[in-house]
Amino acid sequence: MRQDGFLTFVLSRAVIGVRVDSARIVESDRATYWIEVEPDHFMYWRRFKEEYPHWVTAYKYKASFGEYGCPDFATRRDLMSWLFSVLGLTKGERRLLQVWGGWRCPYFDSVDVVRCTESKR
């Protein structure tokens, strides 16, 4: 399974009742990382925040909250660590997801990242 396909798989099951056709990590023009979810990015993150009120732990990872409707992070590692934590995954599940997703432990260096200069809204 491709890495973006794996991320899509995880996020589609995290928020029941919201369609997820694709999910990918995007590097913004400010060199921050965030997760873009299609087809309705803002709806997905609104429901994610309702489903996981502890999503605000993103502050622990020095996330910023700007124009993307979701937290954005200075590093891919912080982004993925936050996501794993919010979803409440055990160490074993995290390890399994890292291996299945193609991420090298513990730094997630091989996660595919899309660089963008403007957000899709």
PDB file of N, CA and C in Angstrom:
ATOM      1  N   MET A   1       0.852  -1.183   0.000  1.00  0.00           N
ATOM      2  CA  MET A   1       0.000   0.000   0.000  1.00  0.00           C
ATOM      3  C   MET A   1       0.888   1.234   0.000  1.00  0.00           C
ATOM      4  N   ARG A   2       0.579   2.181  -0.857  1.00  0.00           N
ATOM      5  CA  ARG A   2       1.338   3.428  -0.895  1.00  0.00           C
ATOM      6  C   ARG A   2       1.168   4.181   0.416  1.00  0.00           C
ATOM      7  N   GLN A   3       2.160   5.025   0.717  1.00  0.00           N
ATOM      8  CA  GLN A   3       2.129   5.742   1.989  1.00  0.00           C
ATOM      9  C   GLN A   3       0.952   6.694   2.088  1.00  0.00           C
ATOM     10  N   ASP A   4       0.645   7.427   1.001  1.00  0.00           N
ATOM     11  CA  ASP A   4      -0.508   8.319   1.087  1.00  0.00           C
ATOM     12  C   ASP A   4      -1.800   7.514   1.167  1.00  0.00           C
ATOM     13  N   GLY A   5      -1.820   6.332   0.554  1.00  0.00           N
ATOM     14  CA  GLY A   5      -2.974   5.448   0.666  1.00  0.00           C
ATOM     15  C   GLY A   5      -3.140   4.949   2.090  1.00  0.00           C
ATOM     16  N   PHE A   6      -2.040   4.691   2.750  1.00  0.00           N
ATOM     17  CA  PHE A   6      -2.091   4.248   4.131  1.00  0.00           C
ATOM     18  C   PHE A   6      -2.618   5.360   5.038  1.00  0.00           C
ATOM     19  N   LEU A   7      -2.143   6.568   4.838  1.00  0.00           N
ATOM     20  CA  LEU A   7      -2.625   7.698   5.621  1.00  0.00           C
ATOM     21  C   LEU A   7      -4.122   7.908   5.382  1.00  0.00           C
ATOM     22  N   THR A   8      -4.543   7.762   4.152  1.00  0.00           N
ATOM     23  CA  THR A   8      -5.970   7.849   3.822  1.00  0.00           C
ATOM     24  C   THR A   8      -6.752   6.792   4.594  1.00  0.00           C
ATOM     25  N   PHE A   9      -6.241   5.584   4.616  1.00  0.00           N
ATOM     26  CA  PHE A   9      -6.872   4.483   5.337  1.00  0.00           C
ATOM     27  C   PHE A   9      -7.042   4.828   6.818  1.00  0.00           C
ATOM     28  N   VAL A  10      -5.985   5.307   7.456  1.00  0.00           N
ATOM     29  CA  VAL A  10      -6.026   5.633   8.885  1.00  0.00           C
ATOM     30  C   VAL A  10      -7.026   6.759   9.159  1.00  0.00           C
ATOM     31  N   LEU A  11      -6.947   7.826   8.382  1.00  0.00           N
ATOM     32  CA  LEU A  11      -7.815   8.973   8.643  1.00  0.00           C
ATOM     33  C   LEU A  11      -9.273   8.688   8.305  1.00  0.00           C
ATOM     34  N   SER A  12      -9.528   7.835   7.331  1.00  0.00           N
ATOM     35  CA  SER A  12     -10.915   7.515   6.993  1.00  0.00           C
ATOM     36  C   SER A  12     -11.591   6.741   8.119  1.00  0.00           C
ATOM     37  N   ARG A  13     -10.827   6.024   8.900  1.00  0.00           N
ATOM     38  CA  ARG A  13     -11.393   5.283  10.016  1.00  0.00           C
ATOM     39  C   ARG A  13     -11.403   6.070  11.314  1.00  0.00           C
ATOM     40  N   ALA A  14     -10.684   7.148  11.350  1.00  0.00           N
ATOM     41  CA  ALA A  14     -10.619   7.964  12.565  1.00  0.00           C
ATOM     42  C   ALA A  14     -11.896   8.774  12.767  1.00  0.00           C
ATOM     43  N   VAL A  15     -12.509   9.207  11.675  1.00  0.00           N
ATOM     44  CA  VAL A  15     -13.735  10.012  11.761  1.00  0.00           C
ATOM     45  C   VAL A  15     -14.810   9.312  10.935  1.00  0.00           C
ATOM     46  N   ILE A  16     -15.678   8.630  11.636  1.00  0.00           N
ATOM     47  CA  ILE A  16     -16.737   7.867  10.975  1.00  0.00           C
ATOM     48  C   ILE A  16     -17.778   8.829  10.391  1.00  0.00           C
ATOM     49  N   GLY A  17     -18.233   8.509   9.193  1.00  0.00           N
ATOM     50  CA  GLY A  17     -19.293   9.297   8.573  1.00  0.00           C
ATOM     51  C   GLY A  17     -18.805  10.452   7.718  1.00  0.00           C
ATOM     52  N   VAL A  18     -17.502  10.619   7.609  1.00  0.00           N
ATOM     53  CA  VAL A  18     -16.958  11.664   6.741  1.00  0.00           C
ATOM     54  C   VAL A  18     -16.156  10.969   5.640  1.00  0.00           C
ATOM     55  N   ARG A  19     -16.476  11.266   4.425  1.00  0.00           N
ATOM     56  CA  ARG A  19     -15.805  10.648   3.280  1.00  0.00           C
ATOM     57  C   ARG A  19     -14.371  11.155   3.169  1.00  0.00           C
ATOM     58  N   VAL A  20     -13.441  10.220   2.981  1.00  0.00           N
ATOM     59  CA  VAL A  20     -12.037  10.555   2.772  1.00  0.00           C
ATOM     60  C   VAL A  20     -11.584   9.819   1.516  1.00  0.00           C
ATOM     61  N   ASP A  21     -11.381  10.569   0.442  1.00  0.00           N
ATOM     62  CA  ASP A  21     -10.875   9.980  -0.796  1.00  0.00           C
ATOM     63  C   ASP A  21      -9.357   9.926  -0.805  1.00  0.00           C
ATOM     64  N   SER A  22      -8.738  10.909  -0.182  1.00  0.00           N
ATOM     65  CA  SER A  22      -7.283  10.929  -0.101  1.00  0.00           C
ATOM     66  C   SER A  22      -6.840  11.799   1.064  1.00  0.00           C
ATOM     67  N   ALA A  23      -5.660  11.468   1.563  1.00  0.00           N
ATOM     68  CA  ALA A  23      -5.024  12.255   2.612  1.00  0.00           C
ATOM     69  C   ALA A  23      -3.531  12.252   2.327  1.00  0.00           C
ATOM     70  N   ARG A  24      -2.921  13.397   2.501  1.00  0.00           N
ATOM     71  CA  ARG A  24      -1.486  13.484   2.237  1.00  0.00           C
ATOM     72  C   ARG A  24      -0.866  14.559   3.108  1.00  0.00           C
ATOM     73  N   ILE A  25       0.394  14.369   3.399  1.00  0.00           N
ATOM     74  CA  ILE A  25       1.142  15.367   4.150  1.00  0.00           C
ATOM     75  C   ILE A  25       1.646  16.406   3.161  1.00  0.00           C
ATOM     76  N   VAL A  26       1.434  17.659   3.507  1.00  0.00           N
ATOM     77  CA  VAL A  26       1.816  18.768   2.647  1.00  0.00           C
ATOM     78  C   VAL A  26       2.821  19.643   3.393  1.00  0.00           C
ATOM     79  N   GLU A  27       3.863  20.070   2.696  1.00  0.00           N
ATOM     80  CA  GLU A  27       4.793  21.049   3.248  1.00  0.00           C
ATOM     81  C   GLU A  27       4.414  22.405   2.666  1.00  0.00           C
ATOM     82  N   SER A  28       4.062  23.331   3.544  1.00  0.00           N
ATOM     83  CA  SER A  28       3.628  24.649   3.079  1.00  0.00           C
ATOM     84  C   SER A  28       4.820  25.494   2.652  1.00  0.00           C
ATOM     85  N   ASP A  29       4.521  26.642   2.089  1.00  0.00           N
ATOM     86  CA  ASP A  29       5.588  27.555   1.694  1.00  0.00           C
ATOM     87  C   ASP A  29       6.295  28.154   2.912  1.00  0.00           C
ATOM     88  N   ARG A  30       5.721  27.990   4.108  1.00  0.00           N
ATOM     89  CA  ARG A  30       6.357  28.450   5.352  1.00  0.00           C
ATOM     90  C   ARG A  30       7.154  27.330   6.001  1.00  0.00           C
ATOM     91  N   ALA A  31       7.347  26.228   5.292  1.00  0.00           N
ATOM     92  CA  ALA A  31       8.082  25.062   5.778  1.00  0.00           C
ATOM     93  C   ALA A  31       7.428  24.460   7.013  1.00  0.00           C
ATOM     94  N   THR A  32       6.108  24.375   6.999  1.00  0.00           N
ATOM     95  CA  THR A  32       5.382  23.637   8.027  1.00  0.00           C
ATOM     96  C   THR A  32       4.660  22.479   7.363  1.00  0.00           C
ATOM     97  N   TYR A  33       4.324  21.490   8.155  1.00  0.00           N
ATOM     98  CA  TYR A  33       3.712  20.272   7.647  1.00  0.00           C
ATOM     99  C   TYR A  33       2.298  20.127   8.196  1.00  0.00           C
ATOM    100  N   TRP A  34       1.378  19.764   7.315  1.00  0.00           N
ATOM    101  CA  TRP A  34      -0.007  19.562   7.709  1.00  0.00           C
ATOM    102  C   TRP A  34      -0.600  18.474   6.827  1.00  0.00           C
ATOM    103  N   ILE A  35      -1.773  17.981   7.214  1.00  0.00           N
ATOM    104  CA  ILE A  35      -2.406  16.898   6.464  1.00  0.00           C
ATOM    105  C   ILE A  35      -3.593  17.447   5.696  1.00  0.00           C
ATOM    106  N   GLU A  36      -3.536  17.284   4.389  1.00  0.00           N
ATOM    107  CA  GLU A  36      -4.640  17.685   3.522  1.00  0.00           C
ATOM    108  C   GLU A  36      -5.538  16.466   3.299  1.00  0.00           C
ATOM    109  N   VAL A  37      -6.828  16.662   3.499  1.00  0.00           N
ATOM    110  CA  VAL A  37      -7.806  15.589   3.338  1.00  0.00           C
ATOM    111  C   VAL A  37      -8.794  16.009   2.256  1.00  0.00           C
ATOM    112  N   GLU A  38      -9.019  15.129   1.294  1.00  0.00           N
ATOM    113  CA  GLU A  38      -9.971  15.382   0.217  1.00  0.00           C
ATOM    114  C   GLU A  38     -11.134  14.411   0.332  1.00  0.00           C
ATOM    115  N   PRO A  39     -12.351  14.748  -0.010  1.00  0.00           N
ATOM    116  CA  PRO A  39     -12.720  15.875  -0.844  1.00  0.00           C
ATOM    117  C   PRO A  39     -13.063  17.151  -0.068  1.00  0.00           C
ATOM    118  N   ASP A  40     -13.345  17.058   1.215  1.00  0.00           N
ATOM    119  CA  ASP A  40     -13.747  18.256   1.958  1.00  0.00           C
ATOM    120  C   ASP A  40     -12.856  18.424   3.186  1.00  0.00           C
ATOM    121  N   HIS A  41     -11.716  19.053   2.970  1.00  0.00           N
ATOM    122  CA  HIS A  41     -10.689  19.218   3.986  1.00  0.00           C
ATOM    123  C   HIS A  41     -11.232  19.864   5.261  1.00  0.00           C
ATOM    124  N   PHE A  42     -11.917  20.987   5.117  1.00  0.00           N
ATOM    125  CA  PHE A  42     -12.365  21.721   6.298  1.00  0.00           C
ATOM    126  C   PHE A  42     -13.451  20.974   7.068  1.00  0.00           C
ATOM    127  N   MET A  43     -14.336  20.294   6.373  1.00  0.00           N
ATOM    128  CA  MET A  43     -15.360  19.479   7.034  1.00  0.00           C
ATOM    129  C   MET A  43     -14.698  18.352   7.817  1.00  0.00           C
ATOM    130  N   TYR A  44     -13.711  17.705   7.207  1.00  0.00           N
ATOM    131  CA  TYR A  44     -13.033  16.603   7.889  1.00  0.00           C
ATOM    132  C   TYR A  44     -12.429  17.086   9.209  1.00  0.00           C
ATOM    133  N   TRP A  45     -11.688  18.177   9.164  1.00  0.00           N
ATOM    134  CA  TRP A  45     -11.002  18.630  10.377  1.00  0.00           C
ATOM    135  C   TRP A  45     -11.977  19.180  11.420  1.00  0.00           C
ATOM    136  N   ARG A  46     -13.088  19.723  10.978  1.00  0.00           N
ATOM    137  CA  ARG A  46     -14.099  20.163  11.938  1.00  0.00           C
ATOM    138  C   ARG A  46     -14.636  18.957  12.698  1.00  0.00           C
ATOM    139  N   ARG A  47     -14.961  17.887  11.982  1.00  0.00           N
ATOM    140  CA  ARG A  47     -15.465  16.665  12.613  1.00  0.00           C
ATOM    141  C   ARG A  47     -14.391  15.957  13.444  1.00  0.00           C
ATOM    142  N   PHE A  48     -13.144  16.007  12.971  1.00  0.00           N
ATOM    143  CA  PHE A  48     -12.030  15.417  13.727  1.00  0.00           C
ATOM    144  C   PHE A  48     -11.926  16.086  15.091  1.00  0.00           C
ATOM    145  N   LYS A  49     -12.028  17.416  15.096  1.00  0.00           N
ATOM    146  CA  LYS A  49     -11.934  18.169  16.360  1.00  0.00           C
ATOM    147  C   LYS A  49     -13.099  17.854  17.287  1.00  0.00           C
ATOM    148  N   GLU A  50     -14.267  17.593  16.737  1.00  0.00           N
ATOM    149  CA  GLU A  50     -15.412  17.197  17.555  1.00  0.00           C
ATOM    150  C   GLU A  50     -15.215  15.802  18.126  1.00  0.00           C
ATOM    151  N   GLU A  51     -14.727  14.907  17.300  1.00  0.00           N
ATOM    152  CA  GLU A  51     -14.533  13.509  17.696  1.00  0.00           C
ATOM    153  C   GLU A  51     -13.382  13.345  18.692  1.00  0.00           C
ATOM    154  N   TYR A  52     -12.339  14.153  18.539  1.00  0.00           N
ATOM    155  CA  TYR A  52     -11.140  14.059  19.374  1.00  0.00           C
ATOM    156  C   TYR A  52     -10.863  15.420  20.020  1.00  0.00           C
ATOM    157  N   PRO A  53     -11.603  15.769  21.077  1.00  0.00           N
ATOM    158  CA  PRO A  53     -11.415  17.093  21.678  1.00  0.00           C
ATOM    159  C   PRO A  53      -9.998  17.319  22.196  1.00  0.00           C
ATOM    160  N   HIS A  54      -9.280  16.246  22.457  1.00  0.00           N
ATOM    161  CA  HIS A  54      -7.893  16.383  22.909  1.00  0.00           C
ATOM    162  C   HIS A  54      -6.919  16.641  21.743  1.00  0.00           C
ATOM    163  N   TRP A  55      -7.455  16.933  20.567  1.00  0.00           N
ATOM    164  CA  TRP A  55      -6.611  17.309  19.429  1.00  0.00           C
ATOM    165  C   TRP A  55      -5.760  18.525  19.775  1.00  0.00           C
ATOM    166  N   VAL A  56      -6.228  19.328  20.749  1.00  0.00           N
ATOM    167  CA  VAL A  56      -5.504  20.549  21.114  1.00  0.00           C
ATOM    168  C   VAL A  56      -4.146  20.253  21.740  1.00  0.00           C
ATOM    169  N   THR A  57      -3.853  18.982  22.009  1.00  0.00           N
ATOM    170  CA  THR A  57      -2.518  18.644  22.488  1.00  0.00           C
ATOM    171  C   THR A  57      -1.456  18.975  21.437  1.00  0.00           C
ATOM    172  N   ALA A  58      -1.903  19.400  20.280  1.00  0.00           N
ATOM    173  CA  ALA A  58      -0.963  19.819  19.240  1.00  0.00           C
ATOM    174  C   ALA A  58      -0.042  20.929  19.755  1.00  0.00           C
ATOM    175  N   TYR A  59      -0.528  21.705  20.719  1.00  0.00           N
ATOM    176  CA  TYR A  59       0.329  22.742  21.304  1.00  0.00           C
ATOM    177  C   TYR A  59       1.588  22.135  21.924  1.00  0.00           C
ATOM    178  N   LYS A  60       1.447  20.929  22.463  1.00  0.00           N
ATOM    179  CA  LYS A  60       2.593  20.227  23.052  1.00  0.00           C
ATOM    180  C   LYS A  60       3.696  20.020  22.009  1.00  0.00           C
ATOM    181  N   TYR A  61       3.287  19.913  20.761  1.00  0.00           N
ATOM    182  CA  TYR A  61       4.231  19.686  19.666  1.00  0.00           C
ATOM    183  C   TYR A  61       4.548  20.977  18.919  1.00  0.00           C
ATOM    184  N   LYS A  62       4.247  22.097  19.556  1.00  0.00           N
ATOM    185  CA  LYS A  62       4.527  23.431  19.006  1.00  0.00           C
ATOM    186  C   LYS A  62       3.854  23.670  17.649  1.00  0.00           C
ATOM    187  N   ALA A  63       2.636  23.201  17.543  1.00  0.00           N
ATOM    188  CA  ALA A  63       1.873  23.391  16.308  1.00  0.00           C
ATOM    189  C   ALA A  63       1.351  24.821  16.244  1.00  0.00           C
ATOM    190  N   SER A  64       1.101  25.262  15.042  1.00  0.00           N
ATOM    191  CA  SER A  64       0.414  26.538  14.858  1.00  0.00           C
ATOM    192  C   SER A  64      -0.943  26.236  14.229  1.00  0.00           C
ATOM    193  N   PHE A  65      -1.833  27.182  14.341  1.00  0.00           N
ATOM    194  CA  PHE A  65      -3.191  26.978  13.851  1.00  0.00           C
ATOM    195  C   PHE A  65      -3.517  28.150  12.945  1.00  0.00           C
ATOM    196  N   GLY A  66      -3.348  27.929  11.662  1.00  0.00           N
ATOM    197  CA  GLY A  66      -3.541  29.020  10.725  1.00  0.00           C
ATOM    198  C   GLY A  66      -4.620  28.726   9.720  1.00  0.00           C
ATOM    199  N   GLU A  67      -4.276  28.924   8.502  1.00  0.00           N
ATOM    200  CA  GLU A  67      -5.238  28.924   7.415  1.00  0.00           C
ATOM    201  C   GLU A  67      -5.694  27.555   6.934  1.00  0.00           C
ATOM    202  N   TYR A  68      -5.116  26.466   7.418  1.00  0.00           N
ATOM    203  CA  TYR A  68      -5.404  25.153   6.848  1.00  0.00           C
ATOM    204  C   TYR A  68      -6.584  24.433   7.498  1.00  0.00           C
ATOM    205  N   GLY A  69      -7.110  24.951   8.597  1.00  0.00           N
ATOM    206  CA  GLY A  69      -8.218  24.292   9.274  1.00  0.00           C
ATOM    207  C   GLY A  69      -7.782  23.141  10.153  1.00  0.00           C
ATOM    208  N   CYS A  70      -6.493  22.893  10.189  1.00  0.00           N
ATOM    209  CA  CYS A  70      -5.923  21.830  11.005  1.00  0.00           C
ATOM    210  C   CYS A  70      -4.578  22.331  11.529  1.00  0.00           C
ATOM    211  N   PRO A  71      -4.040  21.675  12.545  1.00  0.00           N
ATOM    212  CA  PRO A  71      -2.738  22.138  13.037  1.00  0.00           C
ATOM    213  C   PRO A  71      -1.636  21.900  12.011  1.00  0.00           C
ATOM    214  N   ASP A  72      -0.666  22.799  12.001  1.00  0.00           N
ATOM    215  CA  ASP A  72       0.514  22.559  11.174  1.00  0.00           C
ATOM    216  C   ASP A  72       1.742  22.585  12.069  1.00  0.00           C
ATOM    217  N   PHE A  73       2.730  21.802  11.710  1.00  0.00           N
ATOM    218  CA  PHE A  73       3.867  21.493  12.568  1.00  0.00           C
ATOM    219  C   PHE A  73       5.182  21.830  11.882  1.00  0.00           C
ATOM    220  N   ALA A  74       6.199  22.083  12.682  1.00  0.00           N
ATOM    221  CA  ALA A  74       7.517  22.428  12.146  1.00  0.00           C
ATOM    222  C   ALA A  74       8.216  21.222  11.530  1.00  0.00           C
ATOM    223  N   THR A  75       7.870  20.012  11.989  1.00  0.00           N
ATOM    224  CA  THR A  75       8.515  18.807  11.454  1.00  0.00           C
ATOM    225  C   THR A  75       7.482  17.725  11.174  1.00  0.00           C
ATOM    226  N   ARG A  76       7.819  16.821  10.271  1.00  0.00           N
ATOM    227  CA  ARG A  76       6.972  15.658  10.006  1.00  0.00           C
ATOM    228  C   ARG A  76       6.867  14.785  11.250  1.00  0.00           C
ATOM    229  N   ARG A  77       7.973  14.685  11.963  1.00  0.00           N
ATOM    230  CA  ARG A  77       7.980  13.863  13.175  1.00  0.00           C
ATOM    231  C   ARG A  77       6.950  14.375  14.175  1.00  0.00           C
ATOM    232  N   ASP A  78       6.913  15.678  14.407  1.00  0.00           N
ATOM    233  CA  ASP A  78       5.934  16.239  15.335  1.00  0.00           C
ATOM    234  C   ASP A  78       4.514  15.984  14.847  1.00  0.00           C
ATOM    235  N   LEU A  79       4.288  16.156  13.571  1.00  0.00           N
ATOM    236  CA  LEU A  79       2.957  15.919  13.002  1.00  0.00           C
ATOM    237  C   LEU A  79       2.514  14.484  13.250  1.00  0.00           C
ATOM    238  N   MET A  80       3.353  13.520  12.913  1.00  0.00           N
ATOM    239  CA  MET A  80       2.973  12.126  13.058  1.00  0.00           C
ATOM    240  C   MET A  80       2.885  11.715  14.525  1.00  0.00           C
ATOM    241  N   SER A  81       3.769  12.232  15.367  1.00  0.00           N
ATOM    242  CA  SER A  81       3.704  11.919  16.797  1.00  0.00           C
ATOM    243  C   SER A  81       2.393  12.423  17.384  1.00  0.00           C
ATOM    244  N   TRP A  82       1.995  13.628  16.997  1.00  0.00           N
ATOM    245  CA  TRP A  82       0.727  14.180  17.458  1.00  0.00           C
ATOM    246  C   TRP A  82      -0.438  13.315  16.986  1.00  0.00           C
ATOM    247  N   LEU A  83      -0.444  12.956  15.725  1.00  0.00           N
ATOM    248  CA  LEU A  83      -1.538  12.156  15.183  1.00  0.00           C
ATOM    249  C   LEU A  83      -1.643  10.816  15.904  1.00  0.00           C
ATOM    250  N   PHE A  84      -0.528  10.151  16.091  1.00  0.00           N
ATOM    251  CA  PHE A  84      -0.535   8.864  16.793  1.00  0.00           C
ATOM    252  C   PHE A  84      -1.052   9.033  18.218  1.00  0.00           C
ATOM    253  N   SER A  85      -0.638  10.094  18.883  1.00  0.00           N
ATOM    254  CA  SER A  85      -1.070  10.345  20.254  1.00  0.00           C
ATOM    255  C   SER A  85      -2.569  10.628  20.328  1.00  0.00           C
ATOM    256  N   VAL A  86      -3.072  11.498  19.461  1.00  0.00           N
ATOM    257  CA  VAL A  86      -4.488  11.864  19.489  1.00  0.00           C
ATOM    258  C   VAL A  86      -5.369  10.653  19.195  1.00  0.00           C
ATOM    259  N   LEU A  87      -4.941   9.813  18.297  1.00  0.00           N
ATOM    260  CA  LEU A  87      -5.739   8.641  17.963  1.00  0.00           C
ATOM    261  C   LEU A  87      -5.637   7.557  19.033  1.00  0.00           C
ATOM    262  N   GLY A  88      -4.767   7.781  20.031  1.00  0.00           N
ATOM    263  CA  GLY A  88      -4.663   6.867  21.161  1.00  0.00           C
ATOM    264  C   GLY A  88      -4.080   5.517  20.827  1.00  0.00           C
ATOM    265  N   LEU A  89      -3.118   5.500  19.946  1.00  0.00           N
ATOM    266  CA  LEU A  89      -2.536   4.240  19.514  1.00  0.00           C
ATOM    267  C   LEU A  89      -1.486   3.738  20.510  1.00  0.00           C
ATOM    268  N   THR A  90      -1.463   2.435  20.706  1.00  0.00           N
ATOM    269  CA  THR A  90      -0.462   1.837  21.578  1.00  0.00           C
ATOM    270  C   THR A  90       0.897   1.853  20.871  1.00  0.00           C
ATOM    271  N   LYS A  91       1.946   1.565  21.614  1.00  0.00           N
ATOM    272  CA  LYS A  91       3.281   1.506  20.997  1.00  0.00           C
ATOM    273  C   LYS A  91       3.324   0.462  19.888  1.00  0.00           C
ATOM    274  N   GLY A  92       2.683  -0.662  20.129  1.00  0.00           N
ATOM    275  CA  GLY A  92       2.647  -1.711  19.108  1.00  0.00           C
ATOM    276  C   GLY A  92       1.915  -1.269  17.857  1.00  0.00           C
ATOM    277  N   GLU A  93       0.793  -0.598  18.035  1.00  0.00           N
ATOM    278  CA  GLU A  93       0.045  -0.095  16.882  1.00  0.00           C
ATOM    279  C   GLU A  93       0.846   0.969  16.134  1.00  0.00           C
ATOM    280  N   ARG A  94       1.514   1.826  16.872  1.00  0.00           N
ATOM    281  CA  ARG A  94       2.334   2.860  16.227  1.00  0.00           C
ATOM    282  C   ARG A  94       3.429   2.216  15.394  1.00  0.00           C
ATOM    283  N   ARG A  95       4.078   1.220  15.970  1.00  0.00           N
ATOM    284  CA  ARG A  95       5.153   0.523  15.262  1.00  0.00           C
ATOM    285  C   ARG A  95       4.605  -0.147  13.998  1.00  0.00           C
ATOM    286  N   LEU A  96       3.475  -0.807  14.139  1.00  0.00           N
ATOM    287  CA  LEU A  96       2.852  -1.454  12.990  1.00  0.00           C
ATOM    288  C   LEU A  96       2.522  -0.430  11.908  1.00  0.00           C
ATOM    289  N   LEU A  97       1.969   0.701  12.299  1.00  0.00           N
ATOM    290  CA  LEU A  97       1.625   1.739  11.334  1.00  0.00           C
ATOM    291  C   LEU A  97       2.873   2.307  10.662  1.00  0.00           C
ATOM    292  N   GLN A  98       3.950   2.452  11.416  1.00  0.00           N
ATOM    293  CA  GLN A  98       5.190   2.968  10.836  1.00  0.00           C
ATOM    294  C   GLN A  98       5.734   1.997   9.788  1.00  0.00           C
ATOM    295  N   VAL A  99       5.707   0.712  10.121  1.00  0.00           N
ATOM    296  CA  VAL A  99       6.214  -0.297   9.186  1.00  0.00           C
ATOM    297  C   VAL A  99       5.300  -0.384   7.970  1.00  0.00           C
ATOM    298  N   TRP A 100       3.992  -0.476   8.185  1.00  0.00           N
ATOM    299  CA  TRP A 100       3.039  -0.603   7.087  1.00  0.00           C
ATOM    300  C   TRP A 100       3.024   0.650   6.236  1.00  0.00           C
ATOM    301  N   GLY A 101       3.173   1.789   6.855  1.00  0.00           N
ATOM    302  CA  GLY A 101       3.165   3.045   6.129  1.00  0.00           C
ATOM    303  C   GLY A 101       4.485   3.372   5.465  1.00  0.00           C
ATOM    304  N   GLY A 102       5.526   2.598   5.755  1.00  0.00           N
ATOM    305  CA  GLY A 102       6.817   2.849   5.127  1.00  0.00           C
ATOM    306  C   GLY A 102       7.637   3.903   5.845  1.00  0.00           C
ATOM    307  N   TRP A 103       7.242   4.267   7.072  1.00  0.00           N
ATOM    308  CA  TRP A 103       7.986   5.281   7.810  1.00  0.00           C
ATOM    309  C   TRP A 103       9.088   4.616   8.597  1.00  0.00           C
ATOM    310  N   ARG A 104      10.273   5.217   8.569  1.00  0.00           N
ATOM    311  CA  ARG A 104      11.374   4.691   9.356  1.00  0.00           C
ATOM    312  C   ARG A 104      11.226   5.177  10.786  1.00  0.00           C
ATOM    313  N   CYS A 105      11.471   4.316  11.714  1.00  0.00           N
ATOM    314  CA  CYS A 105      11.380   4.674  13.131  1.00  0.00           C
ATOM    315  C   CYS A 105      12.667   5.360  13.555  1.00  0.00           C
ATOM    316  N   PRO A 106      12.637   6.322  14.437  1.00  0.00           N
ATOM    317  CA  PRO A 106      11.446   6.989  14.934  1.00  0.00           C
ATOM    318  C   PRO A 106      11.188   8.307  14.230  1.00  0.00           C
ATOM    319  N   TYR A 107      11.887   8.601  13.162  1.00  0.00           N
ATOM    320  CA  TYR A 107      11.849   9.958  12.624  1.00  0.00           C
ATOM    321  C   TYR A 107      10.925  10.178  11.438  1.00  0.00           C
ATOM    322  N   PHE A 108      10.284   9.153  10.937  1.00  0.00           N
ATOM    323  CA  PHE A 108       9.327   9.282   9.851  1.00  0.00           C
ATOM    324  C   PHE A 108       9.931   9.950   8.613  1.00  0.00           C
ATOM    325  N   ASP A 109      11.216   9.735   8.365  1.00  0.00           N
ATOM    326  CA  ASP A 109      11.896  10.428   7.276  1.00  0.00           C
ATOM    327  C   ASP A 109      11.386  10.047   5.901  1.00  0.00           C
ATOM    328  N   SER A 110      10.845   8.867   5.748  1.00  0.00           N
ATOM    329  CA  SER A 110      10.480   8.433   4.406  1.00  0.00           C
ATOM    330  C   SER A 110       9.025   8.721   4.056  1.00  0.00           C
ATOM    331  N   VAL A 111       8.321   9.452   4.899  1.00  0.00           N
ATOM    332  CA  VAL A 111       6.939   9.801   4.574  1.00  0.00           C
ATOM    333  C   VAL A 111       6.939  10.717   3.356  1.00  0.00           C
ATOM    334  N   ASP A 112       6.123  10.385   2.388  1.00  0.00           N
ATOM    335  CA  ASP A 112       6.014  11.240   1.217  1.00  0.00           C
ATOM    336  C   ASP A 112       5.414  12.580   1.619  1.00  0.00           C
ATOM    337  N   VAL A 113       6.032  13.637   1.197  1.00  0.00           N
ATOM    338  CA  VAL A 113       5.554  14.980   1.504  1.00  0.00           C
ATOM    339  C   VAL A 113       5.388  15.724   0.194  1.00  0.00           C
ATOM    340  N   VAL A 114       4.278  16.402   0.062  1.00  0.00           N
ATOM    341  CA  VAL A 114       4.025  17.214  -1.113  1.00  0.00           C
ATOM    342  C   VAL A 114       4.363  18.646  -0.757  1.00  0.00           C
ATOM    343  N   ARG A 115       5.224  19.272  -1.516  1.00  0.00           N
ATOM    344  CA  ARG A 115       5.569  20.667  -1.258  1.00  0.00           C
ATOM    345  C   ARG A 115       4.578  21.534  -2.027  1.00  0.00           C
ATOM    346  N   CYS A 116       4.068  22.549  -1.356  1.00  0.00           N
ATOM    347  CA  CYS A 116       3.129  23.435  -2.033  1.00  0.00           C
ATOM    348  C   CYS A 116       3.456  24.881  -1.719  1.00  0.00           C
ATOM    349  N   THR A 117       3.069  25.746  -2.594  1.00  0.00           N
ATOM    350  CA  THR A 117       3.263  27.181  -2.369  1.00  0.00           C
ATOM    351  C   THR A 117       1.944  27.884  -2.151  1.00  0.00           C
ATOM    352  N   GLU A 118       0.859  27.194  -2.368  1.00  0.00           N
ATOM    353  CA  GLU A 118      -0.445  27.760  -2.064  1.00  0.00           C
ATOM    354  C   GLU A 118      -1.375  26.632  -1.662  1.00  0.00           C
ATOM    355  N   SER A 119      -2.240  26.899  -0.729  1.00  0.00           N
ATOM    356  CA  SER A 119      -3.130  25.845  -0.247  1.00  0.00           C
ATOM    357  C   SER A 119      -4.310  25.703  -1.200  1.00  0.00           C
ATOM    358  N   LYS A 120      -4.839  24.483  -1.251  1.00  0.00           N
ATOM    359  CA  LYS A 120      -6.026  24.214  -2.055  1.00  0.00           C
ATOM    360  C   LYS A 120      -7.231  24.432  -1.162  1.00  0.00           C
ATOM    361  N   ARG A 121      -8.052  25.395  -1.468  1.00  0.00           N
ATOM    362  CA  ARG A 121      -9.251  25.619  -0.666  1.00  0.00           C
ATOM    363  C   ARG A 121     -10.427  25.789  -1.545  1.00  0.00           C
TER     364      ARG A 121
END
